[in-house]
């Protein structure tokens, strides 16, 4: 039997190149080797989201991108976190054995407090407990993460160890599957690609919109004129060329250094490569979007399948804790 993978992502709406390179393409690849459970964590989003008017639309758009990118509901379980209410019950039960000091030491909690000092809510403190519940409710053995996320997973493992020590061996300790999540810089060349910073390129843009976005990108700051030699190693457009124009990127770099190609031409080459790569994705997305009920059905079936696992786990947890 295949080992079980769990991963969750916040409902941020239409996905961008950073999401694709950093996570989605890896989600797709894991489906052949593992039993994959992929969750849109809408409850997590509430810890920092005060305006929920776009939440349902964001979920729908995100799932459209996931399906168009190759996530297969026949191979994987795709669902929305709040559609499996057992996770909230397990979150409460795990909270009874998780020391408060562990949670207050989490670096991301301290960062969030700085970012939203007006909204330091209970859910923000308990975020790691809910994250642990997400994973262990399905007895997932493997969690795909980048190195920067290892401390979060280690806390989940500590919560599991403490529960198992008190109540008996109940949950497997989730193991990290380190994945090459590249940190994709945005069009500003400074910060991680992000919708919030408006430095992103959405996967579902038209070819014309993609070119328009690419043309706004910051390039080599030392290259002021077309005849100036470039420095591709410091240019974010060149970094993206390596992802989307892999076989031509070496030649592009050499042309840049010799001033045989300008920044505008380089951006046009990148936009063409992105559009070529994403053409099949965009065609699949349009076909799925034409049948909106399909997304609803996929999520409903995913929640049904997830709940079958969740109910068994929760029953076992309650038995071990003496609740039934």
Protein backbone atom coordinates (compact mmCIF):
# COMPACT_ATOMS: atom_id res chain seq x y z
CA UNK A 1 0.00 0.00 0.00
CA UNK A 2 1.26 3.45 -0.92
CA UNK A 3 2.38 5.76 1.88
CA UNK A 4 0.07 8.70 2.54
CA UNK A 5 1.04 12.31 1.80
CA UNK A 6 -0.71 15.38 3.17
CA UNK A 7 -0.25 18.99 2.14
CA UNK A 8 -2.41 22.05 2.58
CA UNK A 9 -2.45 25.48 0.97
CA UNK A 10 -4.32 28.66 1.76
CA UNK A 11 -7.07 29.69 -0.68
CA UNK A 12 -5.33 32.57 -2.44
CA UNK A 13 -7.35 32.43 -5.66
CA UNK A 14 -5.75 32.21 -9.08
CA UNK A 15 -2.28 30.74 -8.80
CA UNK A 16 0.91 32.33 -10.10
CA UNK A 17 4.23 31.11 -11.42
CA UNK A 18 5.73 31.03 -7.94
CA UNK A 19 2.94 28.74 -6.73
CA UNK A 20 3.42 26.47 -9.72
CA UNK A 21 7.20 26.16 -9.54
CA UNK A 22 7.24 26.05 -5.75
CA UNK A 23 4.46 23.56 -5.03
CA UNK A 24 1.91 22.60 -7.66
CA UNK A 25 4.25 20.79 -10.05
CA UNK A 26 5.55 18.80 -7.09
CA UNK A 27 2.00 17.94 -5.98
CA UNK A 28 1.38 16.51 -9.44
CA UNK A 29 4.59 14.46 -9.45
CA UNK A 30 3.89 12.89 -6.03
CA UNK A 31 0.58 11.38 -7.20
CA UNK A 32 2.27 8.44 -8.90
CA UNK A 33 4.27 7.39 -5.86
CA UNK A 34 2.00 8.20 -2.89
CA UNK A 35 -1.62 8.29 -1.80
CA UNK A 36 -1.98 12.07 -1.81
CA UNK A 37 -4.36 14.22 0.21
CA UNK A 38 -4.38 17.88 -0.79
CA UNK A 39 -6.38 20.37 1.22
CA UNK A 40 -7.45 23.99 0.74
CA UNK A 41 -7.04 25.26 4.30
CA UNK A 42 -9.78 27.87 4.56
CA UNK A 43 -9.92 27.78 8.38
CA UNK A 44 -6.22 28.60 8.56
CA UNK A 45 -6.89 31.58 6.32
CA UNK A 46 -9.25 33.06 8.91
CA UNK A 47 -6.34 33.70 11.29
CA UNK A 48 -5.30 36.66 9.15
CA UNK A 49 -8.22 37.16 6.76
CA UNK A 50 -10.74 39.69 8.01
CA UNK A 51 -12.65 40.15 4.75
CA UNK A 52 -14.06 36.81 3.64
CA UNK A 53 -16.21 38.12 0.77
CA UNK A 54 -13.87 36.59 -1.84
CA UNK A 55 -13.14 33.35 0.01
CA UNK A 56 -15.43 31.04 -1.99
CA UNK A 57 -14.33 32.51 -5.30
CA UNK A 58 -10.69 32.12 -4.30
CA UNK A 59 -11.25 28.46 -3.43
CA UNK A 60 -12.93 27.82 -6.79
CA UNK A 61 -10.20 29.58 -8.79
CA UNK A 62 -7.44 27.79 -6.90
CA UNK A 63 -8.97 24.37 -7.52
CA UNK A 64 -9.38 25.21 -11.21
CA UNK A 65 -5.64 25.84 -11.40
CA UNK A 66 -4.81 22.67 -9.47
CA UNK A 67 -6.94 20.52 -11.75
CA UNK A 68 -5.66 22.16 -14.92
CA UNK A 69 -2.07 21.65 -13.74
CA UNK A 70 -2.64 17.90 -13.43
CA UNK A 71 -3.97 17.10 -9.97
CA UNK A 72 -6.18 14.10 -10.59
CA UNK A 73 -9.17 13.53 -8.26
CA UNK A 74 -9.04 9.84 -9.19
CA UNK A 75 -5.50 9.59 -7.81
CA UNK A 76 -5.67 12.16 -5.01
CA UNK A 77 -8.17 13.43 -2.46
CA UNK A 78 -8.86 17.14 -3.03
CA UNK A 79 -11.07 18.92 -0.51
CA UNK A 80 -11.69 22.04 1.54
CA UNK A 81 -10.56 21.95 5.17
CA UNK A 82 -13.83 23.18 6.69
CA UNK A 83 -15.79 20.51 4.81
CA UNK A 84 -14.30 17.92 7.16
CA UNK A 85 -15.34 19.29 10.58
CA UNK A 86 -13.56 16.46 12.40
CA UNK A 87 -10.36 18.46 12.01
CA UNK A 88 -11.68 21.11 14.41
CA UNK A 89 -12.56 18.49 16.99
CA UNK A 90 -9.11 16.90 16.76
CA UNK A 91 -7.57 20.37 16.97
CA UNK A 92 -9.35 20.88 20.30
CA UNK A 93 -8.26 17.50 21.65
CA UNK A 94 -4.63 17.98 20.62
CA UNK A 95 -4.75 21.41 22.23
CA UNK A 96 -5.34 19.75 25.59
CA UNK A 97 -1.86 18.19 25.50
CA UNK A 98 0.13 20.93 23.74
CA UNK A 99 2.07 23.24 26.11
CA UNK A 100 1.35 26.91 25.52
CA UNK A 101 5.06 27.70 25.73
CA UNK A 102 5.72 25.63 22.61
CA UNK A 103 3.28 27.76 20.63
CA UNK A 104 4.48 31.13 21.88
CA UNK A 105 8.03 30.30 20.78
CA UNK A 106 7.07 29.66 17.15
CA UNK A 107 8.92 32.25 14.99
CA UNK A 108 6.03 32.61 12.55
CA UNK A 109 3.68 33.50 15.43
CA UNK A 110 6.00 36.33 16.45
CA UNK A 111 6.19 37.50 12.83
CA UNK A 112 2.39 37.47 12.47
CA UNK A 113 2.02 39.49 15.67
CA UNK A 114 4.20 42.17 14.10
CA UNK A 115 2.28 42.07 10.83
CA UNK A 116 -1.19 42.21 12.42
CA UNK A 117 -0.87 43.71 15.92
CA UNK A 118 -4.54 44.68 15.79
CA UNK A 119 -5.60 41.06 15.29
CA UNK A 120 -3.58 38.75 17.54
CA UNK A 121 -6.30 36.12 17.82
CA UNK A 122 -6.52 32.75 19.55
CA UNK A 123 -6.42 30.96 16.21
CA UNK A 124 -3.09 32.56 15.44
CA UNK A 125 -1.56 31.10 18.60
CA UNK A 126 -3.05 27.66 17.96
CA UNK A 127 -2.17 27.59 14.28
CA UNK A 128 0.50 24.84 14.70
CA UNK A 129 -1.99 22.62 16.57
CA UNK A 130 -4.52 22.92 13.78
CA UNK A 131 -1.75 22.24 11.26
CA UNK A 132 -0.85 19.09 13.20
CA UNK A 133 -4.50 18.04 13.25
CA UNK A 134 -4.64 18.50 9.46
CA UNK A 135 -1.81 16.02 9.04
CA UNK A 136 -2.50 13.38 11.67
CA UNK A 137 -6.28 13.25 11.15
CA UNK A 138 -5.42 11.29 7.98
CA UNK A 139 -2.44 9.53 9.59
CA UNK A 140 -0.24 10.98 6.87
CA UNK A 141 3.31 9.69 7.03
CA UNK A 142 4.89 12.16 4.61
CA UNK A 143 4.64 15.95 4.31
CA UNK A 144 6.34 17.66 1.34
CA UNK A 145 8.13 20.76 2.62
CA UNK A 146 10.96 23.11 1.80
CA UNK A 147 13.81 23.49 4.26
CA UNK A 148 12.31 26.70 5.63
CA UNK A 149 9.25 24.75 6.80
CA UNK A 150 11.12 22.06 8.71
CA UNK A 151 10.73 23.81 12.12
CA UNK A 152 6.93 23.81 11.68
CA UNK A 153 6.88 20.10 10.92
CA UNK A 154 9.18 19.36 13.84
CA UNK A 155 6.69 21.03 16.19
CA UNK A 156 3.95 18.81 14.73
CA UNK A 157 6.16 15.80 15.44
CA UNK A 158 6.65 16.96 19.04
CA UNK A 159 2.88 17.31 19.50
CA UNK A 160 2.43 13.79 18.12
CA UNK A 161 5.14 12.36 20.39
CA UNK A 162 3.59 13.96 23.46
CA UNK A 163 0.12 12.65 22.61
CA UNK A 164 1.46 9.15 21.91
CA UNK A 165 3.44 9.14 25.17
CA UNK A 166 0.35 10.07 27.20
CA UNK A 167 -2.35 8.04 25.48
CA UNK A 168 -0.51 5.32 23.62
CA UNK A 169 0.75 4.91 20.08
CA UNK A 170 -1.93 6.58 17.97
CA UNK A 171 -0.36 8.69 15.25
CA UNK A 172 2.65 8.11 13.01
CA UNK A 173 5.26 10.85 13.31
CA UNK A 174 5.03 12.68 9.99
CA UNK A 175 8.29 12.69 8.06
CA UNK A 176 9.46 15.56 5.92
CA UNK A 177 9.94 14.96 2.22
CA UNK A 178 12.34 17.69 1.28
CA UNK A 179 11.41 19.03 -2.09
CA UNK A 180 13.27 21.48 -4.30
CA UNK A 181 10.83 24.33 -3.78
CA UNK A 182 12.56 27.22 -5.58
CA UNK A 183 12.08 30.65 -4.07
CA UNK A 184 10.78 32.49 -7.12
CA UNK A 185 11.37 36.22 -6.96
CA UNK A 186 8.67 38.54 -8.18
CA UNK A 187 8.79 41.04 -11.00
CA UNK A 188 10.40 43.57 -8.68
CA UNK A 189 13.44 41.31 -8.38
CA UNK A 190 13.53 41.81 -4.60
CA UNK A 191 10.72 39.94 -2.87
CA UNK A 192 9.19 36.49 -3.25
CA UNK A 193 6.52 36.39 -5.97
CA UNK A 194 3.28 37.33 -4.23
CA UNK A 195 -0.20 38.51 -5.08
CA UNK A 196 -0.12 40.76 -2.05
CA UNK A 197 2.92 42.58 -3.45
CA UNK A 198 1.49 42.57 -6.98
CA UNK A 199 4.78 41.29 -8.38
CA UNK A 200 3.37 38.05 -9.76
CA UNK A 201 2.32 36.47 -13.06
CA UNK A 202 -0.87 34.43 -12.87
CA UNK A 203 -0.93 31.11 -14.70
CA UNK A 204 -4.33 31.82 -16.24
CA UNK A 205 -3.44 35.13 -17.90
CA UNK A 206 -3.81 35.47 -21.65
CA UNK A 207 -0.61 35.54 -23.75
CA UNK A 208 -1.02 39.29 -24.18
CA UNK A 209 -1.46 39.85 -20.45
CA UNK A 210 1.55 37.67 -19.72
CA UNK A 211 3.74 39.74 -22.05
CA UNK A 212 2.44 42.94 -20.47
CA UNK A 213 3.30 41.69 -16.97
CA UNK A 214 6.76 40.45 -17.98
CA UNK A 215 7.54 43.82 -19.54
CA UNK A 216 7.13 45.50 -16.14
CA UNK A 217 9.87 43.35 -14.57
CA UNK A 218 13.03 44.86 -13.13
CA UNK A 219 16.18 43.58 -14.85
CA UNK A 220 19.93 44.18 -14.38
CA UNK A 221 20.06 47.50 -12.49
CA UNK A 222 23.57 48.22 -13.80
CA UNK A 223 22.49 48.00 -17.44
CA UNK A 224 21.16 51.38 -18.44
CA UNK A 225 21.51 51.27 -22.24
CA UNK A 226 21.07 48.64 -24.94
CA UNK A 227 24.82 48.54 -25.73
CA UNK A 228 25.84 48.06 -22.08
CA UNK A 229 27.03 44.50 -21.28
CA UNK A 230 24.59 42.72 -18.97
CA UNK A 231 25.04 40.65 -15.85
CA UNK A 232 22.51 37.79 -16.10
CA UNK A 233 23.57 36.33 -12.74
CA UNK A 234 21.90 39.30 -10.98
CA UNK A 235 18.89 39.58 -13.30
CA UNK A 236 15.59 38.08 -12.19
CA UNK A 237 14.37 37.73 -15.76
CA UNK A 238 17.33 35.45 -16.43
CA UNK A 239 16.45 33.35 -13.38
CA UNK A 240 13.01 32.80 -14.89
CA UNK A 241 14.59 32.00 -18.26
CA UNK A 242 16.30 29.07 -16.54
CA UNK A 243 12.89 27.64 -15.61
CA UNK A 244 11.00 28.34 -18.83
CA UNK A 245 13.75 28.57 -21.47
CA UNK A 246 16.11 25.99 -20.02
CA UNK A 247 17.71 24.87 -23.30
CA UNK A 248 18.23 28.41 -24.55
CA UNK A 249 19.17 30.06 -21.26
CA UNK A 250 22.93 29.55 -21.69
CA UNK A 251 22.87 31.27 -25.06
CA UNK A 252 20.68 34.06 -23.73
CA UNK A 253 23.14 34.68 -20.91
CA UNK A 254 26.09 34.90 -23.30
CA UNK A 255 24.22 37.26 -25.63
CA UNK A 256 23.33 39.43 -22.63
CA UNK A 257 26.95 39.64 -21.46
CA UNK A 258 28.04 40.68 -24.96
CA UNK A 259 25.20 43.19 -25.33
CA UNK A 260 23.93 41.25 -28.33
CA UNK A 261 20.47 41.18 -26.82
CA UNK A 262 18.63 43.89 -24.90
CA UNK A 263 16.37 43.62 -21.88
CA UNK A 264 13.23 44.14 -23.96
CA UNK A 265 14.18 41.28 -26.30
CA UNK A 266 15.05 39.09 -23.30
CA UNK A 267 11.63 39.76 -21.77
CA UNK A 268 9.91 38.93 -25.06
CA UNK A 269 11.76 35.60 -25.20
CA UNK A 270 10.68 34.84 -21.63
CA UNK A 271 7.04 35.75 -22.29
CA UNK A 272 7.03 33.51 -25.38
CA UNK A 273 8.49 30.61 -23.38
CA UNK A 274 5.98 31.04 -20.54
CA UNK A 275 3.07 31.19 -22.98
CA UNK A 276 4.28 28.11 -24.86
CA UNK A 277 4.67 26.11 -21.67
CA UNK A 278 1.30 27.20 -20.24
CA UNK A 279 -0.78 26.81 -23.40
CA UNK A 280 -1.96 23.25 -22.58
CA UNK A 281 -2.66 24.29 -18.98
CA UNK A 282 -4.77 27.23 -20.14
CA UNK A 283 -6.74 25.06 -22.56
CA UNK A 284 -7.51 22.52 -19.83
CA UNK A 285 -8.45 25.29 -17.42
CA UNK A 286 -10.90 26.84 -19.88
CA UNK A 287 -12.53 23.46 -20.46
CA UNK A 288 -12.93 22.80 -16.71
CA UNK A 289 -14.16 26.34 -16.05
CA UNK A 290 -16.89 25.82 -18.65
CA UNK A 291 -18.39 23.20 -16.29
CA UNK A 292 -18.38 24.88 -12.85
CA UNK A 293 -20.34 22.01 -11.29
CA UNK A 294 -17.32 19.78 -11.88
CA UNK A 295 -15.21 21.65 -9.30
CA UNK A 296 -18.07 21.45 -6.80
CA UNK A 297 -18.40 17.72 -7.40
CA UNK A 298 -14.64 17.12 -7.06
CA UNK A 299 -14.54 18.91 -3.70
CA UNK A 300 -17.67 17.16 -2.43
CA UNK A 301 -16.29 13.74 -3.34
CA UNK A 302 -12.93 14.65 -1.83
CA UNK A 303 -14.56 15.71 1.44
CA UNK A 304 -16.59 12.48 1.52
CA UNK A 305 -13.47 10.35 1.07
CA UNK A 306 -11.50 12.41 3.58
CA UNK A 307 -14.26 12.08 6.19
CA UNK A 308 -14.18 8.30 5.94
CA UNK A 309 -10.58 8.42 7.14
CA UNK A 310 -11.19 11.26 9.61
CA UNK A 311 -14.05 9.55 11.43
CA UNK A 312 -12.02 6.40 12.02
CA UNK A 313 -9.10 8.41 13.38
CA UNK A 314 -11.28 10.55 15.64
CA UNK A 315 -13.03 7.50 17.07
CA UNK A 316 -9.66 5.96 17.92
CA UNK A 317 -8.45 9.22 19.53
CA UNK A 318 -11.57 9.49 21.70
CA UNK A 319 -11.23 5.88 22.80
CA UNK A 320 -7.62 6.38 23.80
CA UNK A 321 -8.49 9.58 25.70
CA UNK A 322 -11.33 7.82 27.56
CA UNK A 323 -14.04 9.94 25.96
CA UNK A 324 -15.95 6.93 24.64
